[in-house]
Amino acid sequence: MQQNKETSIGIERTRKRPRTVLVLGGGGMRGMAHVGVLKAMQTLGIEYDAIVGTSIGSLVGAMAAGGYSIDQMEESIRDIQKGDYFKLNFLKLMLKGTRASSMYSGNNFRDKLFGLLPPLKFDEMQVPFYCNAVQLESGGSVFWGVPNLDDISLVDAVYSSCALPGIFEPYERDGKHYMDGGIIDPLPLRFAKTLRPELIIAVDLSVKATFKPPKFSDRVISTLFRSFEICEEVIVEQQLHMHADWRTTLIQPKVGHLSRFDFNEVPEIVALGEEEAYRVLTSHAGTRELVGSDVVPGLACPSTPRDFVSIRIDSDACIDCGMCEMVCETDAFAARPGERASVRKLSNYECTRDHACARNCPTSAIHLGNL
């Protein structure tokens, strides 16, 4: 009888809130911001029914879906050092040079994953968990955790989702090779929508033009990483254009100024994720109603709703290149030949917060607000 009562309570609780999918994007060590997001969600009492992770989002997502507490996750990542993951393949590089499969030993990374991830199978997770990888032979995506692709070990699934090309060896399965899912889908909103959620909470870690510029040094490895990030930014822009809708609450922690592999700022990254998540979740229409007034008094009337993005153009800096009109999918700009660009939607309620206009403006003349 007690069990039936608890089941009934669980059903009632589910009916009172939307079916929610949490999407954790890629971004290297910036992904520690995901821990801060989970921390804010716990504080606010916002639950999720499934997790979809990409790259570093797959690592944090697997820990959360496997039942790790916030304290356990913070303790696990607190003492992470670069050497825990990156051990040069000296022998391979010496013997094979550019024919070597990777710069760093994937086995070193895999060994660390065994210590970080819960010893569970996909069907043993507390909530359904999915993570993506790209198959090198076909160039197509796979999502581990879906039927017939859930027999893979959690370590192998997360490793393949995190294996940056040229950095770690690809994961091999049945003669096929798999690498970092962020190559083609760094914020998998398309897949999340196939789970038929009523609410998607998506965490985007790609660099935005209105944030501080990322650390960059003129070296081969830094140039390769930055090139990968630029591709990632463009893909995220398109994903947001096509798939972010009224069901999507978008959290964009301001961590773009940090290096992709900055292991010295982990506590700061977690704090930035928590701060931004708390601000967004308590002001966005899709999640504000899920937070009780006992948690945040007076929440029914937030002082700064995030329903629109404000847009301003510095006319002195504008060079009439027309890029803003070209990249904006919501017709927020007018850029006629021979005239300075103008803003058609000073308060843009359709903006997907992709930052494409500001990122592509060559003179940084566009300023976005209420983000």
Protein backbone atom coordinates (compact mmCIF):
# COMPACT_ATOMS: atom_id res chain seq x y z
CA MET A 1 0.00 0.00 0.00
CA GLN A 2 2.83 2.36 0.87
CA GLN A 3 4.45 1.68 -2.48
CA ASN A 4 1.22 2.49 -4.32
CA LYS A 5 0.90 5.72 -2.38
CA GLU A 6 4.45 6.77 -3.29
CA THR A 7 3.80 5.88 -6.92
CA SER A 8 0.64 7.98 -6.88
CA ILE A 9 2.53 10.93 -5.41
CA GLY A 10 5.21 10.56 -8.10
CA ILE A 11 2.59 10.59 -10.84
CA GLU A 12 0.95 13.71 -9.38
CA ARG A 13 4.30 15.47 -9.20
CA THR A 14 5.00 14.64 -12.83
CA ARG A 15 1.62 16.05 -13.88
CA LYS A 16 2.33 19.35 -12.18
CA ARG A 17 5.44 20.12 -14.19
CA PRO A 18 6.37 19.87 -17.88
CA ARG A 19 8.31 16.91 -19.21
CA THR A 20 11.80 18.40 -19.34
CA VAL A 21 14.92 17.49 -21.31
CA LEU A 22 18.26 18.97 -20.28
CA VAL A 23 20.76 19.55 -23.12
CA LEU A 24 24.41 20.04 -22.16
CA GLY A 25 26.59 21.40 -24.97
CA GLY A 26 30.29 20.98 -25.72
CA GLY A 27 33.10 23.34 -24.82
CA GLY A 28 36.12 21.65 -23.24
CA MET A 29 36.80 22.65 -19.66
CA ARG A 30 34.19 25.39 -20.00
CA GLY A 31 31.82 22.46 -19.56
CA MET A 32 32.43 22.58 -15.83
CA ALA A 33 29.82 25.35 -16.01
CA HIS A 34 27.30 22.52 -16.44
CA VAL A 35 27.92 21.55 -12.81
CA GLY A 36 26.99 25.09 -11.80
CA VAL A 37 23.82 24.88 -13.91
CA LEU A 38 22.84 21.63 -12.19
CA LYS A 39 23.55 23.27 -8.85
CA ALA A 40 21.21 26.18 -9.65
CA MET A 41 18.49 23.81 -10.86
CA GLN A 42 18.71 21.86 -7.61
CA THR A 43 18.48 25.06 -5.56
CA LEU A 44 15.43 26.19 -7.53
CA GLY A 45 13.78 22.76 -7.45
CA ILE A 46 13.70 22.37 -11.24
CA GLU A 47 13.79 18.71 -12.28
CA TYR A 48 14.56 16.98 -15.58
CA ASP A 49 13.36 13.75 -17.17
CA ALA A 50 16.25 13.06 -19.56
CA ILE A 51 19.74 14.39 -20.32
CA VAL A 52 21.35 14.81 -23.74
CA GLY A 53 25.08 15.56 -23.69
CA THR A 54 27.72 16.48 -26.23
CA SER A 55 31.47 16.22 -25.64
CA ILE A 56 32.18 17.58 -22.13
CA GLY A 57 28.41 17.77 -21.70
CA SER A 58 28.31 13.99 -22.04
CA LEU A 59 30.75 13.63 -19.13
CA VAL A 60 28.83 15.90 -16.75
CA GLY A 61 25.51 14.58 -18.05
CA ALA A 62 26.50 10.95 -17.41
CA MET A 63 27.48 11.79 -13.84
CA ALA A 64 24.16 13.55 -13.22
CA ALA A 65 22.01 10.90 -14.94
CA GLY A 66 23.88 8.22 -13.00
CA GLY A 67 22.75 9.70 -9.71
CA TYR A 68 25.82 11.61 -8.56
CA SER A 69 25.05 14.45 -6.18
CA ILE A 70 26.29 17.97 -6.82
CA ASP A 71 28.77 17.54 -3.98
CA GLN A 72 30.10 14.34 -5.56
CA MET A 73 30.52 16.04 -8.94
CA GLU A 74 32.25 19.07 -7.45
CA GLU A 75 34.58 16.85 -5.45
CA SER A 76 35.41 14.79 -8.54
CA ILE A 77 36.36 17.78 -10.67
CA ARG A 78 37.97 19.93 -7.96
CA ASP A 79 41.44 18.43 -8.32
CA ILE A 80 41.42 17.72 -12.05
CA GLN A 81 44.77 18.51 -13.62
CA LYS A 82 45.76 18.75 -17.26
CA GLY A 83 48.06 15.74 -16.88
CA ASP A 84 45.06 13.62 -15.90
CA TYR A 85 43.85 13.78 -19.49
CA PHE A 86 46.75 14.78 -21.72
CA LYS A 87 49.72 12.47 -21.95
CA LEU A 88 51.71 12.88 -25.16
CA ASN A 89 52.08 9.85 -27.43
CA PHE A 90 55.84 10.38 -27.56
CA LEU A 91 56.63 6.92 -28.95
CA LYS A 92 53.96 7.02 -31.63
CA LEU A 93 54.88 10.55 -32.62
CA MET A 94 58.57 9.63 -32.85
CA LEU A 95 57.94 6.48 -34.89
CA LYS A 96 55.06 7.63 -37.08
CA GLY A 97 55.16 11.43 -37.10
CA THR A 98 52.12 12.78 -38.90
CA ARG A 99 50.92 9.18 -39.45
CA ALA A 100 50.23 8.84 -35.71
CA SER A 101 46.52 8.54 -34.85
CA SER A 102 46.60 11.24 -32.18
CA MET A 103 48.82 13.66 -30.27
CA TYR A 104 47.74 12.40 -26.84
CA SER A 105 47.08 8.98 -25.40
CA GLY A 106 43.39 8.15 -25.32
CA ASN A 107 44.08 5.38 -22.80
CA ASN A 108 45.12 7.99 -20.25
CA PHE A 109 41.80 9.79 -20.72
CA ARG A 110 39.82 6.54 -20.62
CA ASP A 111 41.49 5.49 -17.36
CA LYS A 112 40.40 8.79 -15.81
CA LEU A 113 36.83 8.26 -17.04
CA PHE A 114 36.65 4.93 -15.21
CA GLY A 115 37.24 6.83 -11.98
CA LEU A 116 34.83 9.66 -12.77
CA LEU A 117 31.78 7.88 -14.20
CA PRO A 118 29.25 5.74 -12.34
CA PRO A 119 29.67 1.97 -12.97
CA LEU A 120 26.28 1.72 -14.67
CA LYS A 121 24.81 0.60 -17.97
CA PHE A 122 22.56 2.88 -19.98
CA ASP A 123 19.41 1.11 -18.79
CA GLU A 124 20.52 1.48 -15.17
CA MET A 125 20.73 5.28 -15.15
CA GLN A 126 18.38 7.21 -12.86
CA VAL A 127 17.07 9.18 -15.84
CA PRO A 128 17.47 8.37 -19.55
CA PHE A 129 20.83 9.58 -20.86
CA TYR A 130 22.03 10.08 -24.42
CA CYS A 131 25.28 11.39 -25.86
CA ASN A 132 26.41 11.85 -29.44
CA ALA A 133 29.46 11.04 -31.52
CA VAL A 134 30.26 11.39 -35.20
CA GLN A 135 31.22 8.38 -37.32
CA LEU A 136 34.31 9.24 -39.34
CA GLU A 137 33.51 6.92 -42.23
CA SER A 138 30.02 8.28 -42.96
CA GLY A 139 30.21 11.70 -41.29
CA GLY A 140 26.88 10.99 -39.62
CA SER A 141 25.79 11.34 -36.01
CA VAL A 142 25.02 8.54 -33.60
CA PHE A 143 23.35 8.96 -30.23
CA TRP A 144 24.44 6.35 -27.72
CA GLY A 145 21.58 5.34 -25.48
CA VAL A 146 18.90 4.95 -28.14
CA PRO A 147 17.55 1.43 -28.79
CA ASN A 148 20.21 -0.88 -30.28
CA LEU A 149 22.91 1.67 -29.47
CA ASP A 150 22.61 1.30 -25.71
CA ASP A 151 24.81 -1.80 -25.37
CA ILE A 152 27.98 0.31 -25.37
CA SER A 153 29.72 0.91 -22.02
CA LEU A 154 29.26 4.32 -20.45
CA VAL A 155 33.02 4.93 -20.54
CA ASP A 156 33.23 4.16 -24.27
CA ALA A 157 30.19 6.30 -25.05
CA VAL A 158 31.54 9.33 -23.17
CA TYR A 159 35.07 8.81 -24.52
CA SER A 160 33.81 8.78 -28.11
CA SER A 161 31.71 11.89 -27.48
CA CYS A 162 34.76 13.74 -26.06
CA ALA A 163 37.49 12.50 -28.43
CA LEU A 164 38.59 15.63 -30.28
CA PRO A 165 40.06 14.83 -33.71
CA GLY A 166 43.83 14.63 -33.67
CA ILE A 167 43.91 14.98 -29.88
CA PHE A 168 42.68 11.52 -28.84
CA GLU A 169 42.39 8.31 -30.86
CA PRO A 170 38.94 7.61 -32.31
CA TYR A 171 36.78 5.03 -30.56
CA GLU A 172 36.45 1.90 -32.72
CA ARG A 173 33.32 -0.25 -32.80
CA ASP A 174 32.57 -2.95 -35.39
CA GLY A 175 35.19 -1.57 -37.73
CA LYS A 176 33.82 2.01 -37.56
CA HIS A 177 35.50 4.96 -35.86
CA TYR A 178 33.77 7.57 -33.69
CA MET A 179 34.86 10.99 -32.44
CA ASP A 180 33.66 14.14 -30.68
CA GLY A 181 29.95 14.70 -31.36
CA GLY A 182 30.49 18.46 -31.13
CA ILE A 183 32.12 18.37 -34.56
CA ILE A 184 28.69 18.40 -36.21
CA ASP A 185 26.20 18.87 -33.36
CA PRO A 186 27.55 20.85 -30.40
CA LEU A 187 24.06 21.66 -29.04
CA PRO A 188 21.76 18.75 -30.02
CA LEU A 189 18.37 20.45 -29.90
CA ARG A 190 17.12 18.41 -32.87
CA PHE A 191 17.58 15.16 -31.01
CA ALA A 192 16.14 16.58 -27.80
CA LYS A 193 12.94 17.49 -29.66
CA THR A 194 12.51 13.86 -30.78
CA LEU A 195 12.05 12.96 -27.10
CA ARG A 196 8.80 14.96 -27.20
CA PRO A 197 9.52 17.28 -24.26
CA GLU A 198 7.31 20.13 -23.15
CA LEU A 199 10.37 22.07 -22.04
CA ILE A 200 14.01 22.02 -23.15
CA ILE A 201 16.68 23.58 -20.94
CA ALA A 202 19.75 23.97 -23.16
CA VAL A 203 23.22 25.05 -22.01
CA ASP A 204 25.27 26.65 -24.79
CA LEU A 205 29.00 27.10 -24.13
CA SER A 206 30.07 28.34 -27.56
CA VAL A 207 31.93 31.66 -27.63
CA LYS A 208 29.74 34.72 -28.19
CA ALA A 209 30.77 38.03 -29.70
CA THR A 210 29.25 40.05 -26.87
CA PHE A 211 31.30 38.18 -24.28
CA LYS A 212 35.02 38.61 -23.65
CA PRO A 213 37.17 37.23 -26.49
CA PRO A 214 38.76 33.83 -25.80
CA LYS A 215 42.39 33.42 -24.89
CA PHE A 216 44.41 32.78 -28.04
CA SER A 217 48.13 32.35 -28.72
CA ASP A 218 49.63 32.14 -32.20
CA ARG A 219 50.58 28.47 -32.07
CA VAL A 220 49.56 25.46 -34.12
CA ILE A 221 47.51 23.75 -31.42
CA SER A 222 45.83 27.01 -30.34
CA THR A 223 44.95 27.81 -33.96
CA LEU A 224 43.46 24.32 -34.44
CA PHE A 225 41.37 24.61 -31.28
CA ARG A 226 40.15 28.10 -32.17
CA SER A 227 39.28 26.96 -35.71
CA PHE A 228 37.21 24.14 -34.21
CA GLU A 229 35.46 26.63 -31.92
CA ILE A 230 34.59 28.95 -34.80
CA CYS A 231 32.98 26.05 -36.67
CA GLU A 232 31.17 25.16 -33.46
CA GLU A 233 29.84 28.71 -33.10
CA VAL A 234 28.45 28.73 -36.65
CA ILE A 235 26.76 25.34 -36.15
CA VAL A 236 25.20 26.50 -32.87
CA GLU A 237 23.90 29.62 -34.62
CA GLN A 238 22.14 27.45 -37.18
CA GLN A 239 20.82 25.06 -34.53
CA LEU A 240 19.33 27.96 -32.59
CA HIS A 241 17.87 29.51 -35.76
CA MET A 242 16.12 26.29 -36.70
CA HIS A 243 15.32 24.55 -33.43
CA ALA A 244 15.09 27.03 -30.53
CA ASP A 245 11.44 27.84 -29.96
CA TRP A 246 9.02 28.75 -27.17
CA ARG A 247 9.78 25.44 -25.46
CA THR A 248 13.48 26.25 -25.15
CA THR A 249 15.07 27.95 -22.17
CA LEU A 250 18.61 28.86 -23.25
CA ILE A 251 21.42 29.28 -20.72
CA GLN A 252 24.68 30.78 -22.01
CA PRO A 253 27.25 31.01 -19.20
CA LYS A 254 29.77 33.76 -19.85
CA VAL A 255 32.83 31.49 -20.01
CA GLY A 256 33.98 32.18 -23.57
CA HIS A 257 37.00 34.20 -22.42
CA LEU A 258 38.49 31.09 -20.84
CA SER A 259 40.70 28.69 -22.76
CA ARG A 260 39.06 25.49 -23.92
CA PHE A 261 41.50 23.56 -21.74
CA ASP A 262 41.93 25.96 -18.84
CA PHE A 263 42.26 23.58 -15.89
CA ASN A 264 43.20 26.34 -13.44
CA GLU A 265 39.80 28.05 -13.32
CA VAL A 266 37.45 25.15 -12.54
CA PRO A 267 35.84 26.70 -9.41
CA GLU A 268 35.32 30.00 -11.28
CA ILE A 269 33.71 28.17 -14.23
CA VAL A 270 31.31 26.31 -11.94
CA ALA A 271 30.36 29.60 -10.24
CA LEU A 272 29.76 31.34 -13.60
CA GLY A 273 27.49 28.50 -14.69
CA GLU A 274 25.50 28.65 -11.47
CA GLU A 275 25.17 32.44 -11.59
CA GLU A 276 23.91 32.53 -15.18
CA ALA A 277 21.57 29.56 -14.73
CA TYR A 278 20.00 31.10 -11.65
CA ARG A 279 19.46 34.40 -13.48
CA VAL A 280 17.95 32.79 -16.58
CA LEU A 281 15.81 30.18 -14.86
CA THR A 282 14.21 32.74 -12.57
CA SER A 283 13.44 35.20 -15.38
CA HIS A 284 12.56 33.07 -18.40
CA ALA A 285 8.85 32.48 -18.96
CA GLY A 286 9.34 28.75 -19.51
CA THR A 287 10.97 28.07 -16.15
CA ARG A 288 9.97 30.98 -13.90
CA GLU A 289 6.64 29.34 -13.04
CA LEU A 290 8.44 26.17 -11.88
CA VAL A 291 10.13 28.01 -9.03
CA GLY A 292 8.08 28.42 -5.88
CA SER A 293 7.79 31.75 -4.08
CA ASP A 294 9.16 29.99 -1.01
CA VAL A 295 12.45 29.56 -2.91
CA VAL A 296 12.62 33.02 -4.50
CA PRO A 297 10.17 35.47 -2.92
CA GLY A 298 8.40 37.79 -5.35
CA LEU A 299 9.35 35.75 -8.38
CA ALA A 300 5.97 36.26 -10.04
CA CYS A 301 7.08 39.78 -11.04
CA PRO A 302 10.71 39.58 -12.17
CA SER A 303 12.37 42.95 -12.65
CA THR A 304 14.09 42.00 -15.92
CA PRO A 305 12.18 39.45 -18.03
CA ARG A 306 14.28 37.81 -20.77
CA ASP A 307 11.50 37.56 -23.34
CA PHE A 308 13.29 39.86 -25.82
CA VAL A 309 16.78 40.95 -26.85
CA SER A 310 17.48 44.66 -27.19
CA ILE A 311 19.53 45.74 -30.22
CA ARG A 312 21.56 48.88 -30.78
CA ILE A 313 23.90 49.93 -33.62
CA ASP A 314 26.76 52.39 -33.21
CA SER A 315 26.21 54.43 -36.38
CA ASP A 316 29.73 55.89 -36.21
CA ALA A 317 31.25 52.41 -36.29
CA CYS A 318 28.89 50.97 -38.93
CA ILE A 319 30.50 50.62 -42.39
CA ASP A 320 27.34 49.55 -44.27
CA CYS A 321 28.64 46.07 -45.10
CA GLY A 322 25.21 44.44 -44.80
CA MET A 323 26.40 41.46 -42.75
CA CYS A 324 23.83 42.03 -40.00
CA GLU A 325 20.90 41.79 -42.39
CA MET A 326 22.46 38.75 -44.08
CA VAL A 327 22.98 36.63 -40.94
CA CYS A 328 19.88 37.60 -38.93
CA GLU A 329 17.09 35.08 -39.40
CA THR A 330 14.48 37.31 -37.74
CA ASP A 331 14.69 40.40 -40.02
CA ALA A 332 15.87 42.61 -37.18
CA PHE A 333 18.08 44.78 -39.41
CA ALA A 334 17.78 46.86 -42.57
CA ALA A 335 21.04 47.49 -44.44
CA ARG A 336 20.44 49.32 -47.71
CA PRO A 337 23.38 50.03 -50.06
CA GLY A 338 24.99 53.37 -49.34
CA GLU A 339 23.21 53.84 -46.01
CA ARG A 340 24.07 53.00 -42.44
CA ALA A 341 22.36 49.90 -41.14
CA SER A 342 19.30 50.42 -38.98
CA VAL A 343 17.49 48.30 -36.42
CA ARG A 344 13.99 47.19 -37.35
CA LYS A 345 13.31 45.50 -34.00
CA LEU A 346 14.76 47.41 -31.08
CA SER A 347 13.17 44.85 -28.76
CA ASN A 348 13.44 41.59 -30.69
CA TYR A 349 11.08 38.98 -29.25
CA GLU A 350 11.94 36.51 -32.03
CA CYS A 351 15.71 36.60 -31.40
CA THR A 352 17.15 33.12 -30.80
CA ARG A 353 20.11 34.56 -28.86
CA ASP A 354 22.58 33.07 -31.31
CA HIS A 355 24.63 36.31 -31.37
CA ALA A 356 25.23 35.89 -35.13
CA CYS A 357 24.82 39.61 -35.88
CA ALA A 358 27.30 40.76 -33.25
CA ARG A 359 29.80 38.00 -34.05
CA ASN A 360 29.81 38.78 -37.76
CA CYS A 361 29.95 42.56 -37.48
CA PRO A 362 33.52 43.47 -38.59
CA THR A 363 33.61 46.70 -36.56
CA SER A 364 31.77 45.51 -33.42
CA ALA A 365 29.09 48.14 -34.06
CA ILE A 366 26.22 45.93 -32.86
CA HIS A 367 25.40 45.78 -29.16
CA LEU A 368 22.91 43.29 -27.74
CA GLY A 369 21.20 43.61 -24.37
CA ASN A 370 18.91 41.69 -22.00
CA LEU A 371 20.87 38.50 -22.59
